PDB file of N, CA and C in Angstrom:
ATOM      1  N   MET A   1     108.087  88.150  92.872  1.00  0.00           N
ATOM      2  CA  MET A   1     109.490  88.380  92.918  1.00  0.00           C
ATOM      3  C   MET A   1     109.793  89.331  94.069  1.00  0.00           C
ATOM      4  N   ILE A   2     110.876  89.080  94.743  1.00  0.00           N
ATOM      5  CA  ILE A   2     111.295  89.905  95.868  1.00  0.00           C
ATOM      6  C   ILE A   2     112.259  90.972  95.357  1.00  0.00           C
ATOM      7  N   THR A   3     111.997  92.211  95.761  1.00  0.00           N
ATOM      8  CA  THR A   3     112.890  93.299  95.393  1.00  0.00           C
ATOM      9  C   THR A   3     113.319  94.026  96.657  1.00  0.00           C
ATOM     10  N   THR A   4     114.477  94.647  96.580  1.00  0.00           N
ATOM     11  CA  THR A   4     114.962  95.410  97.726  1.00  0.00           C
ATOM     12  C   THR A   4     114.505  96.858  97.608  1.00  0.00           C
ATOM     13  N   VAL A   5     114.463  97.529  98.745  1.00  0.00           N
ATOM     14  CA  VAL A   5     114.037  98.917  98.791  1.00  0.00           C
ATOM     15  C   VAL A   5     115.176  99.746  99.354  1.00  0.00           C
ATOM     16  N   ASP A   6     115.477 100.847  98.700  1.00  0.00           N
ATOM     17  CA  ASP A   6     116.526 101.736  99.167  1.00  0.00           C
ATOM     18  C   ASP A   6     116.030 102.478 100.409  1.00  0.00           C
ATOM     19  N   LEU A   7     116.682 102.252 101.538  1.00  0.00           N
ATOM     20  CA  LEU A   7     116.240 102.858 102.795  1.00  0.00           C
ATOM     21  C   LEU A   7     116.368 104.378 102.794  1.00  0.00           C
ATOM     22  N   GLU A   8     117.314 104.916 102.050  1.00  0.00           N
ATOM     23  CA  GLU A   8     117.437 106.376 101.962  1.00  0.00           C
ATOM     24  C   GLU A   8     116.205 106.978 101.284  1.00  0.00           C
ATOM     25  N   LYS A   9     115.709 106.308 100.273  1.00  0.00           N
ATOM     26  CA  LYS A   9     114.495 106.776  99.586  1.00  0.00           C
ATOM     27  C   LYS A   9     113.299 106.701 100.534  1.00  0.00           C
ATOM     28  N   VAL A  10     113.270 105.661 101.349  1.00  0.00           N
ATOM     29  CA  VAL A  10     112.198 105.512 102.334  1.00  0.00           C
ATOM     30  C   VAL A  10     112.266 106.635 103.356  1.00  0.00           C
ATOM     31  N   ARG A  11     113.452 106.933 103.851  1.00  0.00           N
ATOM     32  CA  ARG A  11     113.618 108.002 104.848  1.00  0.00           C
ATOM     33  C   ARG A  11     113.232 109.362 104.285  1.00  0.00           C
ATOM     34  N   GLU A  12     113.536 109.596 103.006  1.00  0.00           N
ATOM     35  CA  GLU A  12     113.165 110.872 102.383  1.00  0.00           C
ATOM     36  C   GLU A  12     111.659 111.041 102.315  1.00  0.00           C
ATOM     37  N   SER A  13     110.953 109.962 102.086  1.00  0.00           N
ATOM     38  CA  SER A  13     109.502 110.023 101.910  1.00  0.00           C
ATOM     39  C   SER A  13     108.741 110.060 103.226  1.00  0.00           C
ATOM     40  N   ALA A  14     109.297 109.457 104.275  1.00  0.00           N
ATOM     41  CA  ALA A  14     108.528 109.341 105.511  1.00  0.00           C
ATOM     42  C   ALA A  14     109.237 109.882 106.743  1.00  0.00           C
ATOM     43  N   GLY A  15     110.452 110.268 106.638  1.00  0.00           N
ATOM     44  CA  GLY A  15     111.159 110.751 107.818  1.00  0.00           C
ATOM     45  C   GLY A  15     111.953 109.652 108.486  1.00  0.00           C
ATOM     46  N   THR A  16     111.291 108.590 108.906  1.00  0.00           N
ATOM     47  CA  THR A  16     111.966 107.441 109.506  1.00  0.00           C
ATOM     48  C   THR A  16     111.448 106.156 108.865  1.00  0.00           C
ATOM     49  N   VAL A  17     112.231 105.121 108.993  1.00  0.00           N
ATOM     50  CA  VAL A  17     111.811 103.825 108.452  1.00  0.00           C
ATOM     51  C   VAL A  17     110.566 103.333 109.188  1.00  0.00           C
ATOM     52  N   TYR A  18     110.514 103.585 110.499  1.00  0.00           N
ATOM     53  CA  TYR A  18     109.355 103.168 111.288  1.00  0.00           C
ATOM     54  C   TYR A  18     108.076 103.821 110.759  1.00  0.00           C
ATOM     55  N   ASP A  19     108.128 105.118 110.502  1.00  0.00           N
ATOM     56  CA  ASP A  19     106.956 105.813 109.952  1.00  0.00           C
ATOM     57  C   ASP A  19     106.552 105.211 108.608  1.00  0.00           C
ATOM     58  N   ALA A  20     107.536 104.890 107.782  1.00  0.00           N
ATOM     59  CA  ALA A  20     107.248 104.299 106.474  1.00  0.00           C
ATOM     60  C   ALA A  20     106.554 102.953 106.624  1.00  0.00           C
ATOM     61  N   VAL A  21     107.036 102.146 107.550  1.00  0.00           N
ATOM     62  CA  VAL A  21     106.423 100.830 107.774  1.00  0.00           C
ATOM     63  C   VAL A  21     104.969 100.987 108.229  1.00  0.00           C
ATOM     64  N   VAL A  22     104.722 101.934 109.110  1.00  0.00           N
ATOM     65  CA  VAL A  22     103.361 102.161 109.594  1.00  0.00           C
ATOM     66  C   VAL A  22     102.465 102.627 108.445  1.00  0.00           C
ATOM     67  N   ILE A  23     102.943 103.561 107.634  1.00  0.00           N
ATOM     68  CA  ILE A  23     102.165 104.076 106.504  1.00  0.00           C
ATOM     69  C   ILE A  23     101.844 102.950 105.529  1.00  0.00           C
ATOM     70  N   ILE A  24     102.849 102.165 105.177  1.00  0.00           N
ATOM     71  CA  ILE A  24     102.660 101.070 104.214  1.00  0.00           C
ATOM     72  C   ILE A  24     101.727 100.012 104.781  1.00  0.00           C
ATOM     73  N   ALA A  25     101.870  99.678 106.058  1.00  0.00           N
ATOM     74  CA  ALA A  25     101.013  98.656 106.670  1.00  0.00           C
ATOM     75  C   ALA A  25      99.559  99.106 106.712  1.00  0.00           C
ATOM     76  N   ARG A  26      99.327 100.366 107.039  1.00  0.00           N
ATOM     77  CA  ARG A  26      97.944 100.865 107.074  1.00  0.00           C
ATOM     78  C   ARG A  26      97.321 100.845 105.694  1.00  0.00           C
ATOM     79  N   ARG A  27      98.091 101.238 104.677  1.00  0.00           N
ATOM     80  CA  ARG A  27      97.569 101.214 103.311  1.00  0.00           C
ATOM     81  C   ARG A  27      97.332  99.773 102.865  1.00  0.00           C
ATOM     82  N   ALA A  28      98.208  98.853 103.220  1.00  0.00           N
ATOM     83  CA  ALA A  28      98.027  97.449 102.855  1.00  0.00           C
ATOM     84  C   ALA A  28      96.748  96.893 103.478  1.00  0.00           C
ATOM     85  N   ARG A  29      96.478  97.253 104.721  1.00  0.00           N
ATOM     86  CA  ARG A  29      95.253  96.812 105.382  1.00  0.00           C
ATOM     87  C   ARG A  29      94.024  97.370 104.651  1.00  0.00           C
ATOM     88  N   GLN A  30      94.109  98.630 104.242  1.00  0.00           N
ATOM     89  CA  GLN A  30      93.011  99.259 103.511  1.00  0.00           C
ATOM     90  C   GLN A  30      92.791  98.559 102.162  1.00  0.00           C
ATOM     91  N   ILE A  31      93.857  98.266 101.451  1.00  0.00           N
ATOM     92  CA  ILE A  31      93.758  97.559 100.169  1.00  0.00           C
ATOM     93  C   ILE A  31      93.155  96.180 100.365  1.00  0.00           C
ATOM     94  N   ASN A  32      93.572  95.473 101.415  1.00  0.00           N
ATOM     95  CA  ASN A  32      93.041  94.145 101.701  1.00  0.00           C
ATOM     96  C   ASN A  32      91.524  94.190 101.911  1.00  0.00           C
ATOM     97  N   MET A  33      91.072  95.177 102.669  1.00  0.00           N
ATOM     98  CA  MET A  33      89.627  95.313 102.918  1.00  0.00           C
ATOM     99  C   MET A  33      88.880  95.634 101.622  1.00  0.00           C
ATOM    100  N   GLU A  34      89.453  96.488 100.786  1.00  0.00           N
ATOM    101  CA  GLU A  34      88.827  96.822  99.507  1.00  0.00           C
ATOM    102  C   GLU A  34      88.727  95.589  98.614  1.00  0.00           C
ATOM    103  N   GLN A  35      89.806  94.796  98.552  1.00  0.00           N
ATOM    104  CA  GLN A  35      89.794  93.577  97.741  1.00  0.00           C
ATOM    105  C   GLN A  35      88.743  92.593  98.256  1.00  0.00           C
ATOM    106  N   ARG A  36      88.685  92.427  99.570  1.00  0.00           N
ATOM    107  CA  ARG A  36      87.736  91.494 100.171  1.00  0.00           C
ATOM    108  C   ARG A  36      86.303  91.918  99.879  1.00  0.00           C
ATOM    109  N   GLU A  37      86.002  93.211 100.037  1.00  0.00           N
ATOM    110  CA  GLU A  37      84.651  93.706  99.765  1.00  0.00           C
ATOM    111  C   GLU A  37      84.277  93.511  98.310  1.00  0.00           C
ATOM    112  N   MET A  38      85.213  93.800  97.390  1.00  0.00           N
ATOM    113  CA  MET A  38      84.950  93.624  95.969  1.00  0.00           C
ATOM    114  C   MET A  38      84.660  92.154  95.649  1.00  0.00           C
ATOM    115  N   LEU A  39      85.482  91.265  96.191  1.00  0.00           N
ATOM    116  CA  LEU A  39      85.309  89.842  95.926  1.00  0.00           C
ATOM    117  C   LEU A  39      84.034  89.318  96.561  1.00  0.00           C
ATOM    118  N   GLU A  40      83.693  89.782  97.760  1.00  0.00           N
ATOM    119  CA  GLU A  40      82.443  89.363  98.408  1.00  0.00           C
ATOM    120  C   GLU A  40      81.237  89.789  97.581  1.00  0.00           C
ATOM    121  N   GLN A  41      81.264  91.000  97.045  1.00  0.00           N
ATOM    122  CA  GLN A  41      80.157  91.463  96.216  1.00  0.00           C
ATOM    123  C   GLN A  41      79.997  90.584  94.989  1.00  0.00           C
ATOM    124  N   GLU A  42      81.118  90.299  94.317  1.00  0.00           N
ATOM    125  CA  GLU A  42      81.060  89.432  93.139  1.00  0.00           C
ATOM    126  C   GLU A  42      80.572  88.037  93.503  1.00  0.00           C
ATOM    127  N   THR A  43      81.061  87.489  94.596  1.00  0.00           N
ATOM    128  CA  THR A  43      80.719  86.129  95.005  1.00  0.00           C
ATOM    129  C   THR A  43      79.260  86.044  95.439  1.00  0.00           C
ATOM    130  N   PHE A  44      78.818  86.976  96.259  1.00  0.00           N
ATOM    131  CA  PHE A  44      77.440  86.939  96.746  1.00  0.00           C
ATOM    132  C   PHE A  44      76.450  87.204  95.627  1.00  0.00           C
ATOM    133  N   ASP A  45      76.808  88.045  94.662  1.00  0.00           N
ATOM    134  CA  ASP A  45      75.933  88.293  93.531  1.00  0.00           C
ATOM    135  C   ASP A  45      75.760  87.031  92.697  1.00  0.00           C
ATOM    136  N   ASP A  46      76.839  86.247  92.592  1.00  0.00           N
ATOM    137  CA  ASP A  46      76.792  85.033  91.783  1.00  0.00           C
ATOM    138  C   ASP A  46      76.089  83.871  92.481  1.00  0.00           C
ATOM    139  N   MET A  47      76.345  83.682  93.802  1.00  0.00           N
ATOM    140  CA  MET A  47      75.810  82.493  94.460  1.00  0.00           C
ATOM    141  C   MET A  47      74.951  82.766  95.672  1.00  0.00           C
ATOM    142  N   GLY A  48      74.715  83.972  96.001  1.00  0.00           N
ATOM    143  CA  GLY A  48      73.957  84.228  97.216  1.00  0.00           C
ATOM    144  C   GLY A  48      74.875  84.146  98.407  1.00  0.00           C
ATOM    145  N   ASP A  49      74.468  83.450  99.443  1.00  0.00           N
ATOM    146  CA  ASP A  49      75.271  83.329 100.660  1.00  0.00           C
ATOM    147  C   ASP A  49      76.100  82.043 100.603  1.00  0.00           C
ATOM    148  N   PHE A  50      77.174  81.968 101.400  1.00  0.00           N
ATOM    149  CA  PHE A  50      77.966  80.745 101.457  1.00  0.00           C
ATOM    150  C   PHE A  50      77.144  79.641 102.108  1.00  0.00           C
ATOM    151  N   ASP A  51      76.989  78.532 101.386  1.00  0.00           N
ATOM    152  CA  ASP A  51      76.194  77.425 101.908  1.00  0.00           C
ATOM    153  C   ASP A  51      77.054  76.334 102.528  1.00  0.00           C
ATOM    154  N   ASP A  52      78.250  76.160 102.040  1.00  0.00           N
ATOM    155  CA  ASP A  52      79.072  75.069 102.563  1.00  0.00           C
ATOM    156  C   ASP A  52      80.557  75.447 102.544  1.00  0.00           C
ATOM    157  N   ASP A  53      81.367  74.533 103.053  1.00  0.00           N
ATOM    158  CA  ASP A  53      82.807  74.783 103.147  1.00  0.00           C
ATOM    159  C   ASP A  53      83.460  74.864 101.771  1.00  0.00           C
ATOM    160  N   PHE A  54      82.872  74.183 100.779  1.00  0.00           N
ATOM    161  CA  PHE A  54      83.432  74.205  99.431  1.00  0.00           C
ATOM    162  C   PHE A  54      83.402  75.628  98.870  1.00  0.00           C
ATOM    163  N   GLU A  55      82.289  76.329  99.065  1.00  0.00           N
ATOM    164  CA  GLU A  55      82.182  77.701  98.580  1.00  0.00           C
ATOM    165  C   GLU A  55      83.122  78.623  99.342  1.00  0.00           C
ATOM    166  N   LYS A  56      83.287  78.398 100.648  1.00  0.00           N
ATOM    167  CA  LYS A  56      84.212  79.206 101.443  1.00  0.00           C
ATOM    168  C   LYS A  56      85.644  78.991 100.964  1.00  0.00           C
ATOM    169  N   ALA A  57      85.989  77.748 100.638  1.00  0.00           N
ATOM    170  CA  ALA A  57      87.331  77.441 100.154  1.00  0.00           C
ATOM    171  C   ALA A  57      87.573  78.116  98.811  1.00  0.00           C
ATOM    172  N   GLY A  58      86.567  78.143  97.953  1.00  0.00           N
ATOM    173  CA  GLY A  58      86.690  78.816  96.662  1.00  0.00           C
ATOM    174  C   GLY A  58      86.915  80.310  96.834  1.00  0.00           C
ATOM    175  N   PHE A  59      86.222  80.905  97.808  1.00  0.00           N
ATOM    176  CA  PHE A  59      86.387  82.323  98.098  1.00  0.00           C
ATOM    177  C   PHE A  59      87.807  82.611  98.578  1.00  0.00           C
ATOM    178  N   GLU A  60      88.307  81.791  99.497  1.00  0.00           N
ATOM    179  CA  GLU A  60      89.655  81.989 100.022  1.00  0.00           C
ATOM    180  C   GLU A  60      90.704  81.791  98.928  1.00  0.00           C
ATOM    181  N   GLU A  61      90.453  80.864  98.005  1.00  0.00           N
ATOM    182  CA  GLU A  61      91.389  80.648  96.902  1.00  0.00           C
ATOM    183  C   GLU A  61      91.423  81.877  95.990  1.00  0.00           C
ATOM    184  N   LYS A  62      90.264  82.466  95.730  1.00  0.00           N
ATOM    185  CA  LYS A  62      90.215  83.682  94.919  1.00  0.00           C
ATOM    186  C   LYS A  62      90.957  84.817  95.620  1.00  0.00           C
ATOM    187  N   MET A  63      90.802  84.919  96.944  1.00  0.00           N
ATOM    188  CA  MET A  63      91.509  85.956  97.697  1.00  0.00           C
ATOM    189  C   MET A  63      93.016  85.759  97.593  1.00  0.00           C
ATOM    190  N   ALA A  64      93.465  84.517  97.651  1.00  0.00           N
ATOM    191  CA  ALA A  64      94.897  84.224  97.596  1.00  0.00           C
ATOM    192  C   ALA A  64      95.491  84.550  96.226  1.00  0.00           C
ATOM    193  N   ASN A  65      94.668  84.520  95.183  1.00  0.00           N
ATOM    194  CA  ASN A  65      95.153  84.776  93.833  1.00  0.00           C
ATOM    195  C   ASN A  65      95.177  86.258  93.473  1.00  0.00           C
ATOM    196  N   LEU A  66      94.624  87.119  94.316  1.00  0.00           N
ATOM    197  CA  LEU A  66      94.655  88.557  94.066  1.00  0.00           C
ATOM    198  C   LEU A  66      96.059  89.094  94.329  1.00  0.00           C
ATOM    199  N   PRO A  67      96.390  90.252  93.745  1.00  0.00           N
ATOM    200  CA  PRO A  67      97.697  90.847  94.058  1.00  0.00           C
ATOM    201  C   PRO A  67      97.832  91.100  95.561  1.00  0.00           C
ATOM    202  N   LYS A  68      99.021  90.931  96.077  1.00  0.00           N
ATOM    203  CA  LYS A  68      99.261  91.070  97.515  1.00  0.00           C
ATOM    204  C   LYS A  68      99.150  92.533  97.933  1.00  0.00           C
ATOM    205  N   PRO A  69      98.339  92.829  98.941  1.00  0.00           N
ATOM    206  CA  PRO A  69      98.154  94.213  99.391  1.00  0.00           C
ATOM    207  C   PRO A  69      99.455  94.883  99.820  1.00  0.00           C
ATOM    208  N   SER A  70     100.347  94.148 100.454  1.00  0.00           N
ATOM    209  CA  SER A  70     101.604  94.750 100.893  1.00  0.00           C
ATOM    210  C   SER A  70     102.474  95.167  99.707  1.00  0.00           C
ATOM    211  N   ALA A  71     102.458  94.380  98.646  1.00  0.00           N
ATOM    212  CA  ALA A  71     103.238  94.727  97.451  1.00  0.00           C
ATOM    213  C   ALA A  71     102.659  95.962  96.763  1.00  0.00           C
ATOM    214  N   ILE A  72     101.337  96.045  96.713  1.00  0.00           N
ATOM    215  CA  ILE A  72     100.689  97.215  96.117  1.00  0.00           C
ATOM    216  C   ILE A  72     101.011  98.468  96.931  1.00  0.00           C
ATOM    217  N   ALA A  73     100.891  98.358  98.255  1.00  0.00           N
ATOM    218  CA  ALA A  73     101.160  99.504  99.132  1.00  0.00           C
ATOM    219  C   ALA A  73     102.621  99.936  99.028  1.00  0.00           C
ATOM    220  N   MET A  74     103.538  98.995  98.959  1.00  0.00           N
ATOM    221  CA  MET A  74     104.957  99.327  98.836  1.00  0.00           C
ATOM    222  C   MET A  74     105.221 100.040  97.507  1.00  0.00           C
ATOM    223  N   ALA A  75     104.610  99.551  96.438  1.00  0.00           N
ATOM    224  CA  ALA A  75     104.783 100.191  95.130  1.00  0.00           C
ATOM    225  C   ALA A  75     104.226 101.616  95.149  1.00  0.00           C
ATOM    226  N   GLU A  76     103.058 101.799  95.761  1.00  0.00           N
ATOM    227  CA  GLU A  76     102.482 103.137  95.870  1.00  0.00           C
ATOM    228  C   GLU A  76     103.416 104.054  96.650  1.00  0.00           C
ATOM    229  N   PHE A  77     103.993 103.548  97.725  1.00  0.00           N
ATOM    230  CA  PHE A  77     104.887 104.352  98.562  1.00  0.00           C
ATOM    231  C   PHE A  77     106.153 104.732  97.810  1.00  0.00           C
ATOM    232  N   THR A  78     106.795 103.769  97.160  1.00  0.00           N
ATOM    233  CA  THR A  78     108.049 104.049  96.462  1.00  0.00           C
ATOM    234  C   THR A  78     107.832 104.920  95.223  1.00  0.00           C
ATOM    235  N   ASP A  79     106.637 104.878  94.638  1.00  0.00           N
ATOM    236  CA  ASP A  79     106.326 105.728  93.484  1.00  0.00           C
ATOM    237  C   ASP A  79     105.951 107.148  93.898  1.00  0.00           C
ATOM    238  N   GLY A  80     105.777 107.361  95.207  1.00  0.00           N
ATOM    239  CA  GLY A  80     105.420 108.683  95.692  1.00  0.00           C
ATOM    240  C   GLY A  80     103.927 108.956  95.692  1.00  0.00           C
ATOM    241  N   ASP A  81     103.125 107.917  95.455  1.00  0.00           N
ATOM    242  CA  ASP A  81     101.673 108.078  95.429  1.00  0.00           C
ATOM    243  C   ASP A  81     101.051 107.988  96.821  1.00  0.00           C
ATOM    244  N   LEU A  82     101.828 107.594  97.791  1.00  0.00           N
ATOM    245  CA  LEU A  82     101.323 107.377  99.146  1.00  0.00           C
ATOM    246  C   LEU A  82     102.056 108.312 100.095  1.00  0.00           C
ATOM    247  N   ILE A  83     101.292 109.152 100.777  1.00  0.00           N
ATOM    248  CA  ILE A  83     101.882 110.133 101.675  1.00  0.00           C
ATOM    249  C   ILE A  83     101.220 110.011 103.037  1.00  0.00           C
ATOM    250  N   GLY A  84     102.018 109.964 104.071  1.00  0.00           N
ATOM    251  CA  GLY A  84     101.479 109.893 105.428  1.00  0.00           C
ATOM    252  C   GLY A  84     101.345 111.288 106.013  1.00  0.00           C
ATOM    253  N   GLU A  85     100.259 111.513 106.696  1.00  0.00           N
ATOM    254  CA  GLU A  85     100.040 112.804 107.346  1.00  0.00           C
ATOM    255  C   GLU A  85      99.664 112.565 108.794  1.00  0.00           C
ATOM    256  N   TYR A  86     100.185 113.394 109.658  1.00  0.00           N
ATOM    257  CA  TYR A  86      99.826 113.311 111.065  1.00  0.00           C
ATOM    258  C   TYR A  86      98.661 114.258 111.324  1.00  0.00           C
ATOM    259  N   VAL A  87      97.696 113.773 112.046  1.00  0.00           N
ATOM    260  CA  VAL A  87      96.551 114.592 112.414  1.00  0.00           C
ATOM    261  C   VAL A  87      96.673 114.866 113.909  1.00  0.00           C
ATOM    262  N   GLU A  88      96.656 116.115 114.245  1.00  0.00           N
ATOM    263  CA  GLU A  88      96.768 116.513 115.650  1.00  0.00           C
ATOM    264  C   GLU A  88      95.473 116.169 116.381  1.00  0.00           C
ATOM    265  N   ALA A  89      95.604 115.590 117.533  1.00  0.00           N
ATOM    266  CA  ALA A  89      94.435 115.259 118.347  1.00  0.00           C
ATOM    267  C   ALA A  89      93.884 116.550 118.949  1.00  0.00           C
ATOM    268  N   GLU A  90      92.567 116.667 118.908  1.00  0.00           N
ATOM    269  CA  GLU A  90      91.937 117.840 119.496  1.00  0.00           C
ATOM    270  C   GLU A  90      91.772 117.614 120.990  1.00  0.00           C
ATOM    271  N   GLU A  91      92.122 118.614 121.745  1.00  0.00           N
ATOM    272  CA  GLU A  91      91.988 118.523 123.190  1.00  0.00           C
ATOM    273  C   GLU A  91      90.629 119.047 123.618  1.00  0.00           C
ATOM    274  N   ASP A  92      89.961 118.279 124.460  1.00  0.00           N
ATOM    275  CA  ASP A  92      88.668 118.719 125.006  1.00  0.00           C
ATOM    276  C   ASP A  92      88.946 119.682 126.158  1.00  0.00           C
ATOM    277  N   GLU A  93      88.301 120.798 126.116  1.00  0.00           N
ATOM    278  CA  GLU A  93      88.509 121.777 127.193  1.00  0.00           C
ATOM    279  C   GLU A  93      87.383 121.769 128.159  1.00  0.00           C
TER     280      GLU A  93
END
């Protein structure tokens, strides 16, 4: 289901909408990698290595049935569980 997000709430949490989008996108990418690693471990433990396209298709179907990383990241952000922090780059002297 598609839901709308109050932009004022987004601005309060991240400063700008752009910052919020970057924070949410980075977390979504992290969630996607975690889901993929978890599913690969389960799949490889069960069948070893992928032998044919049928097994690869089954893996991709399982990935498609997992919760969407962007939706999870957005929920974390709107619930206040996700906070972006800037790290200052160290200058080499």
